[in-house]
Amino acid sequence: MNQKNLLDVDWSKIPAPIDDGAATHLVGLKIPPVSLVATDDTSVTLSALRGRSVVFAYPRTGEPGKIALVDDWDMIPGARGCTPQTCSFRDLFAELKAVGAAHVFGLSTQSNAYQAEMASRLHLPFPVLSDEKLALTRALGLPTMEVAGLTLIKRLALIIDGGRITQVFYPVFPPDRNASDVLEWLKENRI
């Protein structure tokens, strides 16, 4: 399938993911000391960050005009919507910071080079982390799916306070509302 417009999605035609329980163990977990490369050419160790961090994870962003990973990508529950999710965090970035998010990161298993292109194209005010080697994904037991021989993180968002997960948003649907849901939670749960 040719992805003509990554932002214009009729969510009523896309299958919603179900809560398969794959994220229930995450609340309360301490983040392991795993360093990930970021699109701003830094190395980020989430466990070492002070304050509140918001990390939203997604399977795989696409590129306009490029062929999708698999023909039925849009019909895989939870697959479609990485760019709308990312853009929603971009658009609400200042508000997220204003209510206590010291750090905001995107996260996927795509390479840093791929993510850097996307971050530049979408004018992201925050870095995107690459877990290409699945170090953090495996250490935390993040929910994943296998597509075209690749292990991809299922869409979710984490609130991390002082190196410990305090809130998980999973499953996420529709993806373009994830940032506003996180923002509302942050407003109600200030630190």
C-alpha atoms as a PDB file:
ATOM      1  CA  MET A   1       0.000   0.000   0.000  1.00  0.00           C
ATOM      2  CA  ASN A   2       1.320   3.441  -0.918  1.00  0.00           C
ATOM      3  CA  GLN A   3       1.125   5.786   2.061  1.00  0.00           C
ATOM      4  CA  LYS A   4       0.032   9.013   0.399  1.00  0.00           C
ATOM      5  CA  ASN A   5      -0.927  10.954   3.492  1.00  0.00           C
ATOM      6  CA  LEU A   6       0.351   9.809   6.852  1.00  0.00           C
ATOM      7  CA  LEU A   7      -1.794  12.271   8.822  1.00  0.00           C
ATOM      8  CA  ASP A   8      -5.197  12.013   7.159  1.00  0.00           C
ATOM      9  CA  VAL A   9      -6.669   8.826   8.609  1.00  0.00           C
ATOM     10  CA  ASP A  10     -10.291   7.727   9.003  1.00  0.00           C
ATOM     11  CA  TRP A  11      -9.937   5.873  12.321  1.00  0.00           C
ATOM     12  CA  SER A  12     -13.355   4.250  11.876  1.00  0.00           C
ATOM     13  CA  LYS A  13     -11.819   2.159   9.067  1.00  0.00           C
ATOM     14  CA  ILE A  14      -8.770   1.087  11.060  1.00  0.00           C
ATOM     15  CA  PRO A  15      -8.995  -1.842  13.516  1.00  0.00           C
ATOM     16  CA  ALA A  16      -8.414  -0.768  17.106  1.00  0.00           C
ATOM     17  CA  PRO A  17      -5.922  -2.702  19.222  1.00  0.00           C
ATOM     18  CA  ILE A  18      -7.248  -4.636  22.191  1.00  0.00           C
ATOM     19  CA  ASP A  19      -5.852  -4.638  25.699  1.00  0.00           C
ATOM     20  CA  ASP A  20      -3.998  -7.940  25.672  1.00  0.00           C
ATOM     21  CA  GLY A  21      -2.584  -7.350  29.163  1.00  0.00           C
ATOM     22  CA  ALA A  22       0.972  -7.097  27.812  1.00  0.00           C
ATOM     23  CA  ALA A  23       1.636  -3.811  29.646  1.00  0.00           C
ATOM     24  CA  THR A  24       0.049  -4.540  33.043  1.00  0.00           C
ATOM     25  CA  HIS A  25       3.411  -5.380  34.625  1.00  0.00           C
ATOM     26  CA  LEU A  26       5.002  -2.030  33.744  1.00  0.00           C
ATOM     27  CA  VAL A  27       3.581   0.288  36.430  1.00  0.00           C
ATOM     28  CA  GLY A  28       6.061   0.469  39.280  1.00  0.00           C
ATOM     29  CA  LEU A  29       8.996  -0.965  37.339  1.00  0.00           C
ATOM     30  CA  LYS A  30      12.371   0.687  37.710  1.00  0.00           C
ATOM     31  CA  ILE A  31      13.846   1.653  34.356  1.00  0.00           C
ATOM     32  CA  PRO A  32      17.046  -0.327  33.697  1.00  0.00           C
ATOM     33  CA  PRO A  33      20.291   1.585  32.992  1.00  0.00           C
ATOM     34  CA  VAL A  34      20.082   1.176  29.216  1.00  0.00           C
ATOM     35  CA  SER A  35      21.500   3.944  27.024  1.00  0.00           C
ATOM     36  CA  LEU A  36      19.765   4.686  23.731  1.00  0.00           C
ATOM     37  CA  VAL A  37      20.930   6.874  20.882  1.00  0.00           C
ATOM     38  CA  ALA A  38      18.708   9.889  20.201  1.00  0.00           C
ATOM     39  CA  THR A  39      17.989  11.932  17.106  1.00  0.00           C
ATOM     40  CA  ASP A  40      19.755  14.947  18.649  1.00  0.00           C
ATOM     41  CA  ASP A  41      23.026  12.932  18.611  1.00  0.00           C
ATOM     42  CA  THR A  42      23.024  12.313  22.354  1.00  0.00           C
ATOM     43  CA  SER A  43      22.905   9.119  24.339  1.00  0.00           C
ATOM     44  CA  VAL A  44      19.943   8.974  26.717  1.00  0.00           C
ATOM     45  CA  THR A  45      19.694   6.792  29.805  1.00  0.00           C
ATOM     46  CA  LEU A  46      16.095   7.163  30.963  1.00  0.00           C
ATOM     47  CA  SER A  47      16.897   5.719  34.399  1.00  0.00           C
ATOM     48  CA  ALA A  48      19.344   8.559  35.065  1.00  0.00           C
ATOM     49  CA  LEU A  49      17.025  11.445  34.206  1.00  0.00           C
ATOM     50  CA  ARG A  50      15.732  13.681  36.964  1.00  0.00           C
ATOM     51  CA  GLY A  51      12.131  14.748  37.085  1.00  0.00           C
ATOM     52  CA  ARG A  52       9.200  13.457  35.079  1.00  0.00           C
ATOM     53  CA  SER A  53       9.672  11.967  31.623  1.00  0.00           C
ATOM     54  CA  VAL A  54       7.061  11.144  29.007  1.00  0.00           C
ATOM     55  CA  VAL A  55       8.035   8.404  26.565  1.00  0.00           C
ATOM     56  CA  PHE A  56       5.641   7.462  23.798  1.00  0.00           C
ATOM     57  CA  ALA A  57       6.433   4.352  21.795  1.00  0.00           C
ATOM     58  CA  TYR A  58       5.167   3.304  18.404  1.00  0.00           C
ATOM     59  CA  PRO A  59       5.760   0.493  15.918  1.00  0.00           C
ATOM     60  CA  ARG A  60       7.201   2.311  12.915  1.00  0.00           C
ATOM     61  CA  THR A  61       6.828   5.669  11.211  1.00  0.00           C
ATOM     62  CA  GLY A  62       6.341   5.779   7.477  1.00  0.00           C
ATOM     63  CA  GLU A  63       7.621   8.103   4.810  1.00  0.00           C
ATOM     64  CA  PRO A  64       5.237   9.955   2.482  1.00  0.00           C
ATOM     65  CA  GLY A  65       5.078   8.314  -0.926  1.00  0.00           C
ATOM     66  CA  LYS A  66       6.959   5.193   0.168  1.00  0.00           C
ATOM     67  CA  ILE A  67       5.644   1.657   0.135  1.00  0.00           C
ATOM     68  CA  ALA A  68       4.395   0.355   3.500  1.00  0.00           C
ATOM     69  CA  LEU A  69       6.311  -2.381   5.303  1.00  0.00           C
ATOM     70  CA  VAL A  70       3.559  -4.869   4.371  1.00  0.00           C
ATOM     71  CA  ASP A  71       0.516  -4.485   2.123  1.00  0.00           C
ATOM     72  CA  ASP A  72      -1.993  -4.864   4.962  1.00  0.00           C
ATOM     73  CA  TRP A  73      -0.178  -2.534   7.438  1.00  0.00           C
ATOM     74  CA  ASP A  74      -3.307  -0.453   8.047  1.00  0.00           C
ATOM     75  CA  MET A  75      -5.302  -3.568   8.968  1.00  0.00           C
ATOM     76  CA  ILE A  76      -2.887  -4.705  11.690  1.00  0.00           C
ATOM     77  CA  PRO A  77      -4.521  -3.517  14.938  1.00  0.00           C
ATOM     78  CA  GLY A  78      -2.370  -0.750  16.392  1.00  0.00           C
ATOM     79  CA  ALA A  79       0.010  -0.447  13.453  1.00  0.00           C
ATOM     80  CA  ARG A  80      -1.293   2.626  11.631  1.00  0.00           C
ATOM     81  CA  GLY A  81      -0.902   6.032  13.248  1.00  0.00           C
ATOM     82  CA  CYS A  82       2.734   6.535  14.219  1.00  0.00           C
ATOM     83  CA  THR A  83       3.046   9.872  12.448  1.00  0.00           C
ATOM     84  CA  PRO A  84      -0.267  11.253  13.826  1.00  0.00           C
ATOM     85  CA  GLN A  85       0.769  10.149  17.328  1.00  0.00           C
ATOM     86  CA  THR A  86       4.186  11.787  16.981  1.00  0.00           C
ATOM     87  CA  CYS A  87       2.706  14.999  15.579  1.00  0.00           C
ATOM     88  CA  SER A  88       0.224  15.184  18.457  1.00  0.00           C
ATOM     89  CA  PHE A  89       3.123  15.153  20.941  1.00  0.00           C
ATOM     90  CA  ARG A  90       4.887  17.781  18.829  1.00  0.00           C
ATOM     91  CA  ASP A  91       1.811  20.007  18.816  1.00  0.00           C
ATOM     92  CA  LEU A  92       1.268  19.698  22.587  1.00  0.00           C
ATOM     93  CA  PHE A  93       4.960  19.765  23.548  1.00  0.00           C
ATOM     94  CA  ALA A  94       4.883  23.201  25.230  1.00  0.00           C
ATOM     95  CA  GLU A  95       1.756  22.270  27.203  1.00  0.00           C
ATOM     96  CA  LEU A  96       3.286  18.963  28.322  1.00  0.00           C
ATOM     97  CA  LYS A  97       6.359  20.820  29.559  1.00  0.00           C
ATOM     98  CA  ALA A  98       4.182  23.429  31.301  1.00  0.00           C
ATOM     99  CA  VAL A  99       2.448  20.754  33.412  1.00  0.00           C
ATOM    100  CA  GLY A 100       5.610  19.033  34.562  1.00  0.00           C
ATOM    101  CA  ALA A 101       7.134  16.912  31.799  1.00  0.00           C
ATOM    102  CA  ALA A 102      10.839  17.641  32.186  1.00  0.00           C
ATOM    103  CA  HIS A 103      11.564  15.367  29.209  1.00  0.00           C
ATOM    104  CA  VAL A 104       9.546  14.101  26.242  1.00  0.00           C
ATOM    105  CA  PHE A 105      10.813  11.343  23.953  1.00  0.00           C
ATOM    106  CA  GLY A 106       9.525   9.246  21.103  1.00  0.00           C
ATOM    107  CA  LEU A 107      10.700   5.608  21.016  1.00  0.00           C
ATOM    108  CA  SER A 108      10.762   2.907  18.378  1.00  0.00           C
ATOM    109  CA  THR A 109      12.941   0.079  17.131  1.00  0.00           C
ATOM    110  CA  GLN A 110      13.809   1.934  13.926  1.00  0.00           C
ATOM    111  CA  SER A 111      17.383   3.055  13.330  1.00  0.00           C
ATOM    112  CA  ASN A 112      18.580   6.430  14.528  1.00  0.00           C
ATOM    113  CA  ALA A 113      19.277   7.493  10.925  1.00  0.00           C
ATOM    114  CA  TYR A 114      15.690   6.708   9.929  1.00  0.00           C
ATOM    115  CA  GLN A 115      14.327   8.471  12.994  1.00  0.00           C
ATOM    116  CA  ALA A 116      16.565  11.519  12.425  1.00  0.00           C
ATOM    117  CA  GLU A 117      15.057  12.005   8.958  1.00  0.00           C
ATOM    118  CA  MET A 118      11.543  11.782  10.402  1.00  0.00           C
ATOM    119  CA  ALA A 119      12.347  14.128  13.305  1.00  0.00           C
ATOM    120  CA  SER A 120      13.690  16.717  10.887  1.00  0.00           C
ATOM    121  CA  ARG A 121      10.795  16.358   8.427  1.00  0.00           C
ATOM    122  CA  LEU A 122       8.186  16.688  11.188  1.00  0.00           C
ATOM    123  CA  HIS A 123      10.080  19.497  13.010  1.00  0.00           C
ATOM    124  CA  LEU A 124      10.038  17.689  16.333  1.00  0.00           C
ATOM    125  CA  PRO A 125      11.019  19.757  19.404  1.00  0.00           C
ATOM    126  CA  PHE A 126      12.046  16.583  21.285  1.00  0.00           C
ATOM    127  CA  PRO A 127      14.402  13.714  20.511  1.00  0.00           C
ATOM    128  CA  VAL A 128      13.321  10.280  19.351  1.00  0.00           C
ATOM    129  CA  LEU A 129      15.122   7.295  20.852  1.00  0.00           C
ATOM    130  CA  SER A 130      16.190   4.267  18.849  1.00  0.00           C
ATOM    131  CA  ASP A 131      15.907   0.863  20.514  1.00  0.00           C
ATOM    132  CA  GLU A 132      17.071  -0.864  17.356  1.00  0.00           C
ATOM    133  CA  LYS A 133      18.834  -3.587  19.342  1.00  0.00           C
ATOM    134  CA  LEU A 134      15.734  -4.076  21.567  1.00  0.00           C
ATOM    135  CA  ALA A 135      17.759  -3.574  24.769  1.00  0.00           C
ATOM    136  CA  LEU A 136      15.157  -1.458  26.594  1.00  0.00           C
ATOM    137  CA  THR A 137      12.231  -3.298  24.999  1.00  0.00           C
ATOM    138  CA  ARG A 138      13.479  -6.649  26.267  1.00  0.00           C
ATOM    139  CA  ALA A 139      14.651  -5.358  29.662  1.00  0.00           C
ATOM    140  CA  LEU A 140      11.196  -3.908  30.417  1.00  0.00           C
ATOM    141  CA  GLY A 141       9.204  -6.576  28.575  1.00  0.00           C
ATOM    142  CA  LEU A 142       7.455  -3.944  26.460  1.00  0.00           C
ATOM    143  CA  PRO A 143       4.578  -5.276  24.353  1.00  0.00           C
ATOM    144  CA  THR A 144       5.763  -6.090  20.839  1.00  0.00           C
ATOM    145  CA  MET A 145       4.490  -7.427  17.554  1.00  0.00           C
ATOM    146  CA  GLU A 146       6.265  -9.207  14.734  1.00  0.00           C
ATOM    147  CA  VAL A 147       5.769  -7.791  11.242  1.00  0.00           C
ATOM    148  CA  ALA A 148       7.790  -8.753   8.147  1.00  0.00           C
ATOM    149  CA  GLY A 149      10.424 -10.384  10.337  1.00  0.00           C
ATOM    150  CA  LEU A 150      10.870  -7.263  12.501  1.00  0.00           C
ATOM    151  CA  THR A 151      10.110  -6.876  16.188  1.00  0.00           C
ATOM    152  CA  LEU A 152       8.156  -3.648  16.677  1.00  0.00           C
ATOM    153  CA  ILE A 153       6.988  -2.003  19.897  1.00  0.00           C
ATOM    154  CA  LYS A 154       3.219  -1.821  20.264  1.00  0.00           C
ATOM    155  CA  ARG A 155       1.948   1.717  20.709  1.00  0.00           C
ATOM    156  CA  LEU A 156       2.010   2.954  24.300  1.00  0.00           C
ATOM    157  CA  ALA A 157       3.045   5.888  26.465  1.00  0.00           C
ATOM    158  CA  LEU A 158       4.930   5.816  29.740  1.00  0.00           C
ATOM    159  CA  ILE A 159       5.167   8.381  32.508  1.00  0.00           C
ATOM    160  CA  ILE A 160       8.482   7.941  34.325  1.00  0.00           C
ATOM    161  CA  ASP A 161       9.186   9.677  37.625  1.00  0.00           C
ATOM    162  CA  GLY A 162      12.728   9.508  38.904  1.00  0.00           C
ATOM    163  CA  GLY A 163      13.546   6.361  36.955  1.00  0.00           C
ATOM    164  CA  ARG A 164      10.342   4.462  37.811  1.00  0.00           C
ATOM    165  CA  ILE A 165       7.244   3.953  35.624  1.00  0.00           C
ATOM    166  CA  THR A 166       4.256   5.546  37.338  1.00  0.00           C
ATOM    167  CA  GLN A 167       1.650   5.431  34.554  1.00  0.00           C
ATOM    168  CA  VAL A 168       1.121   3.469  31.341  1.00  0.00           C
ATOM    169  CA  PHE A 169      -1.237   4.311  28.483  1.00  0.00           C
ATOM    170  CA  TYR A 170      -1.960   1.056  26.648  1.00  0.00           C
ATOM    171  CA  PRO A 171      -3.467   0.271  24.272  1.00  0.00           C
ATOM    172  CA  VAL A 172      -3.504   3.626  22.517  1.00  0.00           C
ATOM    173  CA  PHE A 173      -6.280   4.363  20.024  1.00  0.00           C
ATOM    174  CA  PRO A 174      -6.744   6.520  18.120  1.00  0.00           C
ATOM    175  CA  PRO A 175      -3.065   7.441  18.131  1.00  0.00           C
ATOM    176  CA  ASP A 176      -3.592  11.145  17.457  1.00  0.00           C
ATOM    177  CA  ARG A 177      -5.318  11.520  20.861  1.00  0.00           C
ATOM    178  CA  ASN A 178      -2.493   9.960  22.882  1.00  0.00           C
ATOM    179  CA  ALA A 179      -0.745  13.263  23.646  1.00  0.00           C
ATOM    180  CA  SER A 180      -3.968  14.928  24.829  1.00  0.00           C
ATOM    181  CA  ASP A 181      -4.724  11.920  27.076  1.00  0.00           C
ATOM    182  CA  VAL A 182      -1.217  12.158  28.544  1.00  0.00           C
ATOM    183  CA  LEU A 183      -1.626  15.917  28.991  1.00  0.00           C
ATOM    184  CA  GLU A 184      -4.884  15.463  30.908  1.00  0.00           C
ATOM    185  CA  TRP A 185      -3.281  12.856  33.168  1.00  0.00           C
ATOM    186  CA  LEU A 186      -0.321  15.158  33.841  1.00  0.00           C
ATOM    187  CA  LYS A 187      -2.678  18.006  34.774  1.00  0.00           C
ATOM    188  CA  GLU A 188      -4.471  15.758  37.275  1.00  0.00           C
ATOM    189  CA  ASN A 189      -1.276  14.198  38.680  1.00  0.00           C
ATOM    190  CA  ARG A 190       1.225  17.000  39.109  1.00  0.00           C
ATOM    191  CA  ILE A 191       4.408  16.352  41.031  1.00  0.00           C
END
